Amino acid sequence: MTDIAIPLTVAFALGFAVQQIRLPPLVGYLAAGFALHAFGFEPDPAIDTIADLGVLLLLFGIGLKLKLSTLVRPVVWAGTSIHLLASTVLFGLLLAGLGMLGAPLVDGLGIGEVAIIGFALAFSSTVFAVKALEQFGEGSSLAGTLAIAILVMQDIFAVLFLVAVGSAPSWWVVPVVAAVIVARPLYAWLLSKTGYEELFLLFGLVLAIGVGAGSFEAVGLKADLGALIVGLTLANHPKASDLSATLLGFKDILLIGFFLSIGLGGLPDLSTLL
């Protein structure tokens, strides 16, 4: 327990400190990870597990609050497409120029490698953006909803890219994904019957981690995308907002592990910064 107690204690101390100077606590959590890394703290696998669970619940909660009609709006899918294309070209040209100047890490990269790195740099962090929107109470505003929808669309593009260039997923992808979506009436009926006590929270965890993440991961797809899809199937349910609110505190605690895990990876060296 000591291996987890130490980073949690340091995270609370630095999160509290930065909050006093009106910065988001997540800045303190990141700083805690960097500080622990600097003092030679070895990350515990439990922290990565906590981080993964936090991201799963975050995506599940986004799905519960995001309507499919928002995702298919032109401002979302067209805006995301144009942004990714323009950013990929811009970053690709920048990296190619730095490579011609002999900059570290990019010297000698081919056109394909530059394009892939430029594509990767075009993405935003869903976790950071959603936490920032929640911090300023903008998560439910029109701008916040569109921003989250664009982030989700980015995740979908990322999955399509990974499927296209990576190893082919299982042949069970189509029936499993279809079954997860078609089972929506069963989820809705169970959600209506669970009440509002601990069974309510447990059912949310089962949907996000067991049904969504577990089924998608089993057929070679991203686990967090599965949690998002299951959440989307229940977005119009009368108890969807209640379930999201119930999971909120649980999810926020787990996401501390996400920020700690980033910091524990250490600061980049001088050549990487250049």
Protein backbone atom coordinates (compact mmCIF):
# COMPACT_ATOMS: atom_id res chain seq x y z
CA MET A 1 0.00 0.00 0.00
CA THR A 2 2.96 2.31 0.60
CA ASP A 3 3.72 2.44 -3.13
CA ILE A 4 0.29 3.97 -3.74
CA ALA A 5 0.03 5.98 -0.53
CA ILE A 6 3.14 8.04 -1.28
CA PRO A 7 2.10 9.31 -4.75
CA LEU A 8 -1.46 9.97 -3.57
CA THR A 9 -0.17 12.00 -0.61
CA VAL A 10 2.21 14.01 -2.78
CA ALA A 11 -0.55 14.53 -5.36
CA PHE A 12 -2.90 15.90 -2.70
CA ALA A 13 -0.22 18.20 -1.25
CA LEU A 14 0.74 19.72 -4.61
CA GLY A 15 -2.85 19.75 -5.89
CA PHE A 16 -3.89 21.70 -2.78
CA ALA A 17 -0.92 24.05 -3.14
CA VAL A 18 -1.64 25.02 -6.75
CA GLN A 19 -5.35 25.41 -5.98
CA GLN A 20 -4.44 28.17 -3.52
CA ILE A 21 -2.93 30.18 -6.36
CA ARG A 22 -6.03 29.62 -8.51
CA LEU A 23 -4.58 26.95 -10.79
CA PRO A 24 -6.41 23.69 -11.57
CA PRO A 25 -5.40 20.87 -9.17
CA LEU A 26 -4.44 18.71 -12.17
CA VAL A 27 -1.35 20.94 -12.54
CA GLY A 28 -0.36 19.82 -9.06
CA TYR A 29 -0.97 16.17 -9.91
CA LEU A 30 1.34 16.46 -12.92
CA ALA A 31 3.95 18.23 -10.80
CA ALA A 32 3.67 15.45 -8.23
CA GLY A 33 4.48 12.87 -10.89
CA PHE A 34 7.50 14.84 -12.12
CA ALA A 35 8.73 15.35 -8.53
CA LEU A 36 8.38 11.66 -7.67
CA HIS A 37 10.24 10.72 -10.85
CA ALA A 38 13.03 13.15 -10.00
CA PHE A 39 13.45 11.51 -6.58
CA GLY A 40 13.69 8.07 -8.16
CA PHE A 41 10.23 6.81 -7.28
CA GLU A 42 9.40 3.69 -9.27
CA PRO A 43 5.82 3.78 -10.61
CA ASP A 44 3.54 1.03 -9.33
CA PRO A 45 1.50 -0.90 -11.93
CA ALA A 46 -1.56 -0.11 -9.81
CA ILE A 47 -1.24 3.57 -10.79
CA ASP A 48 -1.50 2.67 -14.49
CA THR A 49 -4.54 0.53 -13.76
CA ILE A 50 -6.17 3.39 -11.85
CA ALA A 51 -5.35 5.75 -14.74
CA ASP A 52 -6.90 3.40 -17.31
CA LEU A 53 -10.08 3.03 -15.23
CA GLY A 54 -10.32 6.80 -14.88
CA VAL A 55 -10.10 7.32 -18.63
CA LEU A 56 -12.71 4.61 -19.24
CA LEU A 57 -15.16 6.25 -16.86
CA LEU A 58 -14.44 9.66 -18.35
CA LEU A 59 -15.32 8.43 -21.86
CA PHE A 60 -18.37 6.58 -20.53
CA GLY A 61 -19.56 9.77 -18.82
CA ILE A 62 -19.02 11.75 -22.03
CA GLY A 63 -21.13 9.22 -23.89
CA LEU A 64 -23.95 9.55 -21.34
CA LYS A 65 -24.09 13.31 -21.90
CA LEU A 66 -23.42 13.47 -25.64
CA LYS A 67 -26.19 12.97 -28.18
CA LEU A 68 -25.47 11.17 -31.45
CA SER A 69 -27.17 14.05 -33.25
CA THR A 70 -24.34 16.30 -32.05
CA LEU A 71 -21.66 14.04 -33.53
CA VAL A 72 -23.21 14.07 -37.01
CA ARG A 73 -23.45 17.86 -37.18
CA PRO A 74 -21.26 19.28 -40.01
CA VAL A 75 -19.53 21.65 -37.61
CA VAL A 76 -18.24 18.58 -35.75
CA TRP A 77 -17.23 16.02 -38.38
CA ALA A 78 -16.23 18.58 -41.04
CA GLY A 79 -14.47 20.79 -38.50
CA THR A 80 -12.55 17.81 -37.13
CA SER A 81 -11.58 16.61 -40.60
CA ILE A 82 -10.36 20.03 -41.75
CA HIS A 83 -8.46 20.60 -38.50
CA LEU A 84 -6.71 17.21 -38.63
CA LEU A 85 -5.75 17.63 -42.29
CA ALA A 86 -4.49 21.20 -41.88
CA SER A 87 -2.60 20.39 -38.67
CA THR A 88 -1.02 17.29 -40.19
CA VAL A 89 0.24 19.30 -43.16
CA LEU A 90 1.45 22.18 -40.97
CA PHE A 91 3.28 20.00 -38.45
CA GLY A 92 4.60 17.76 -41.22
CA LEU A 93 6.14 20.72 -43.07
CA LEU A 94 7.57 22.05 -39.81
CA LEU A 95 9.16 18.70 -38.96
CA ALA A 96 10.50 18.30 -42.49
CA GLY A 97 12.06 21.76 -42.27
CA LEU A 98 13.65 20.96 -38.89
CA GLY A 99 14.96 17.71 -40.33
CA MET A 100 16.63 19.55 -43.19
CA LEU A 101 18.33 21.75 -40.58
CA GLY A 102 19.62 18.65 -38.79
CA ALA A 103 17.49 19.03 -35.64
CA PRO A 104 17.71 16.13 -33.14
CA LEU A 105 15.18 13.27 -33.46
CA VAL A 106 13.77 14.46 -36.80
CA ASP A 107 16.96 14.40 -38.86
CA GLY A 108 16.64 11.70 -41.51
CA LEU A 109 12.92 11.05 -41.15
CA GLY A 110 11.11 10.06 -44.33
CA ILE A 111 7.92 11.62 -45.71
CA GLY A 112 5.74 8.84 -44.29
CA GLU A 113 7.27 9.13 -40.82
CA VAL A 114 6.90 12.92 -40.83
CA ALA A 115 3.26 12.58 -41.90
CA ILE A 116 2.48 10.11 -39.10
CA ILE A 117 4.12 12.30 -36.45
CA GLY A 118 2.32 15.36 -37.82
CA PHE A 119 -0.96 13.46 -37.67
CA ALA A 120 -0.28 12.49 -34.05
CA LEU A 121 0.54 16.08 -33.09
CA ALA A 122 -2.81 17.21 -34.51
CA PHE A 123 -4.70 15.47 -31.69
CA SER A 124 -5.77 17.03 -28.41
CA SER A 125 -6.00 15.33 -25.03
CA THR A 126 -9.62 14.48 -24.26
CA VAL A 127 -8.84 14.09 -20.55
CA PHE A 128 -7.11 17.49 -20.24
CA ALA A 129 -9.75 19.31 -22.26
CA VAL A 130 -12.73 17.82 -20.41
CA LYS A 131 -11.15 18.50 -17.02
CA ALA A 132 -10.46 22.10 -18.04
CA LEU A 133 -14.05 22.58 -19.27
CA GLU A 134 -15.41 21.15 -16.01
CA GLN A 135 -13.07 23.36 -14.00
CA PHE A 136 -14.63 26.48 -15.54
CA GLY A 137 -18.19 25.15 -15.63
CA GLU A 138 -18.29 25.04 -19.44
CA GLY A 139 -18.88 21.32 -19.91
CA SER A 140 -22.61 21.73 -20.59
CA SER A 141 -22.41 24.95 -22.60
CA LEU A 142 -22.81 24.98 -26.40
CA ALA A 143 -19.10 25.62 -26.90
CA GLY A 144 -18.18 22.93 -24.39
CA THR A 145 -20.53 20.39 -25.97
CA LEU A 146 -19.13 21.04 -29.45
CA ALA A 147 -15.57 20.88 -28.15
CA ILE A 148 -16.21 17.51 -26.50
CA ALA A 149 -17.93 16.24 -29.66
CA ILE A 150 -14.87 17.22 -31.72
CA LEU A 151 -12.59 15.45 -29.22
CA VAL A 152 -14.73 12.32 -29.51
CA MET A 153 -14.60 12.56 -33.30
CA GLN A 154 -10.81 12.80 -33.04
CA ASP A 155 -10.81 9.57 -31.02
CA ILE A 156 -12.88 7.90 -33.73
CA PHE A 157 -10.41 9.06 -36.41
CA ALA A 158 -7.56 7.72 -34.28
CA VAL A 159 -9.21 4.31 -34.01
CA LEU A 160 -9.79 4.17 -37.77
CA PHE A 161 -6.15 5.09 -38.36
CA LEU A 162 -4.84 2.45 -35.93
CA VAL A 163 -7.05 -0.20 -37.52
CA ALA A 164 -5.84 0.81 -40.99
CA VAL A 165 -2.10 0.74 -40.23
CA GLY A 166 -1.97 -1.79 -37.40
CA SER A 167 -2.76 -5.45 -37.15
CA ALA A 168 -6.25 -6.35 -38.29
CA PRO A 169 -8.78 -6.72 -35.47
CA SER A 170 -10.65 -9.94 -34.85
CA TRP A 171 -13.29 -11.10 -37.32
CA TRP A 172 -15.70 -10.85 -34.38
CA VAL A 173 -15.56 -7.04 -34.47
CA VAL A 174 -18.80 -6.55 -36.44
CA PRO A 175 -21.04 -8.95 -34.47
CA VAL A 176 -19.62 -7.93 -31.10
CA VAL A 177 -19.94 -4.17 -31.72
CA ALA A 178 -23.42 -4.69 -33.17
CA ALA A 179 -24.43 -6.76 -30.14
CA VAL A 180 -23.17 -4.04 -27.75
CA ILE A 181 -25.29 -1.44 -29.54
CA VAL A 182 -28.37 -3.60 -30.09
CA ALA A 183 -28.44 -4.53 -26.40
CA ARG A 184 -29.40 -0.94 -25.57
CA PRO A 185 -32.99 -1.88 -24.49
CA LEU A 186 -31.52 -4.34 -21.96
CA TYR A 187 -29.19 -1.68 -20.53
CA ALA A 188 -32.08 0.77 -20.34
CA TRP A 189 -34.35 -1.71 -18.56
CA LEU A 190 -31.66 -2.67 -16.03
CA LEU A 191 -30.80 1.00 -15.44
CA SER A 192 -34.46 1.75 -14.74
CA LYS A 193 -34.63 -1.07 -12.18
CA THR A 194 -31.41 -0.51 -10.22
CA GLY A 195 -32.60 2.32 -7.98
CA TYR A 196 -30.11 4.91 -6.75
CA GLU A 197 -27.99 3.10 -4.15
CA GLU A 198 -24.71 1.21 -4.53
CA LEU A 199 -26.22 -1.07 -7.18
CA PHE A 200 -26.68 2.02 -9.36
CA LEU A 201 -22.94 2.81 -9.19
CA LEU A 202 -21.99 -0.83 -9.67
CA PHE A 203 -24.14 -1.11 -12.79
CA GLY A 204 -22.43 1.96 -14.26
CA LEU A 205 -19.02 0.35 -13.64
CA VAL A 206 -20.19 -2.91 -15.22
CA LEU A 207 -21.45 -1.09 -18.32
CA ALA A 208 -18.29 0.99 -18.78
CA ILE A 209 -15.62 -1.56 -17.81
CA GLY A 210 -17.28 -4.94 -18.30
CA VAL A 211 -19.56 -4.46 -21.30
CA GLY A 212 -17.99 -1.58 -23.22
CA ALA A 213 -14.25 -1.81 -22.53
CA GLY A 214 -14.17 -5.57 -22.08
CA SER A 215 -16.00 -6.46 -25.29
CA PHE A 216 -14.11 -3.99 -27.48
CA GLU A 217 -10.73 -4.98 -26.08
CA ALA A 218 -11.53 -8.67 -26.65
CA VAL A 219 -11.85 -8.10 -30.41
CA GLY A 220 -8.80 -5.84 -30.75
CA LEU A 221 -10.45 -2.40 -30.49
CA LYS A 222 -9.68 0.39 -28.04
CA ALA A 223 -11.24 -0.26 -24.65
CA ASP A 224 -12.07 3.40 -24.00
CA LEU A 225 -13.95 3.59 -27.31
CA GLY A 226 -16.14 0.73 -26.09
CA ALA A 227 -16.93 2.63 -22.89
CA LEU A 228 -17.83 5.69 -24.98
CA ILE A 229 -20.13 3.71 -27.31
CA VAL A 230 -22.02 2.09 -24.42
CA GLY A 231 -22.47 5.51 -22.85
CA LEU A 232 -23.82 6.90 -26.13
CA THR A 233 -26.47 4.17 -26.28
CA LEU A 234 -27.95 5.47 -23.02
CA ALA A 235 -27.58 9.21 -23.64
CA ASN A 236 -31.37 9.68 -23.98
CA HIS A 237 -32.26 7.61 -20.91
CA PRO A 238 -34.03 9.57 -18.12
CA LYS A 239 -31.44 8.40 -15.59
CA ALA A 240 -28.36 9.03 -17.77
CA SER A 241 -27.52 12.36 -16.12
CA ASP A 242 -27.99 10.81 -12.67
CA LEU A 243 -25.62 7.97 -13.54
CA SER A 244 -23.05 10.44 -14.87
CA ALA A 245 -23.28 12.50 -11.67
CA THR A 246 -22.95 9.36 -9.52
CA LEU A 247 -19.78 8.32 -11.35
CA LEU A 248 -18.32 11.85 -11.30
CA GLY A 249 -16.49 11.72 -7.97
CA PHE A 250 -15.33 8.15 -8.54
CA LYS A 251 -14.00 9.07 -11.99
CA ASP A 252 -12.23 12.21 -10.75
CA ILE A 253 -10.36 10.26 -8.08
CA LEU A 254 -9.22 7.66 -10.62
CA LEU A 255 -8.09 10.34 -13.09
CA ILE A 256 -5.51 11.48 -10.54
CA GLY A 257 -3.70 8.30 -11.51
CA PHE A 258 -3.72 9.43 -15.15
CA PHE A 259 -1.95 12.70 -14.41
CA LEU A 260 0.47 11.00 -12.01
CA SER A 261 1.38 8.40 -14.63
CA ILE A 262 2.25 11.14 -17.13
CA GLY A 263 4.52 12.89 -14.64
CA LEU A 264 6.13 9.61 -13.57
CA GLY A 265 7.26 9.19 -17.17
CA GLY A 266 9.72 12.01 -16.48
CA LEU A 267 10.58 15.27 -18.16
CA PRO A 268 11.99 15.16 -21.71
CA ASP A 269 15.74 15.62 -22.08
CA LEU A 270 17.34 18.64 -23.74
CA SER A 271 17.49 17.16 -27.25
CA THR A 272 13.79 16.24 -27.13
CA LEU A 273 12.88 19.76 -25.99
CA LEU A 274 14.89 21.25 -28.84
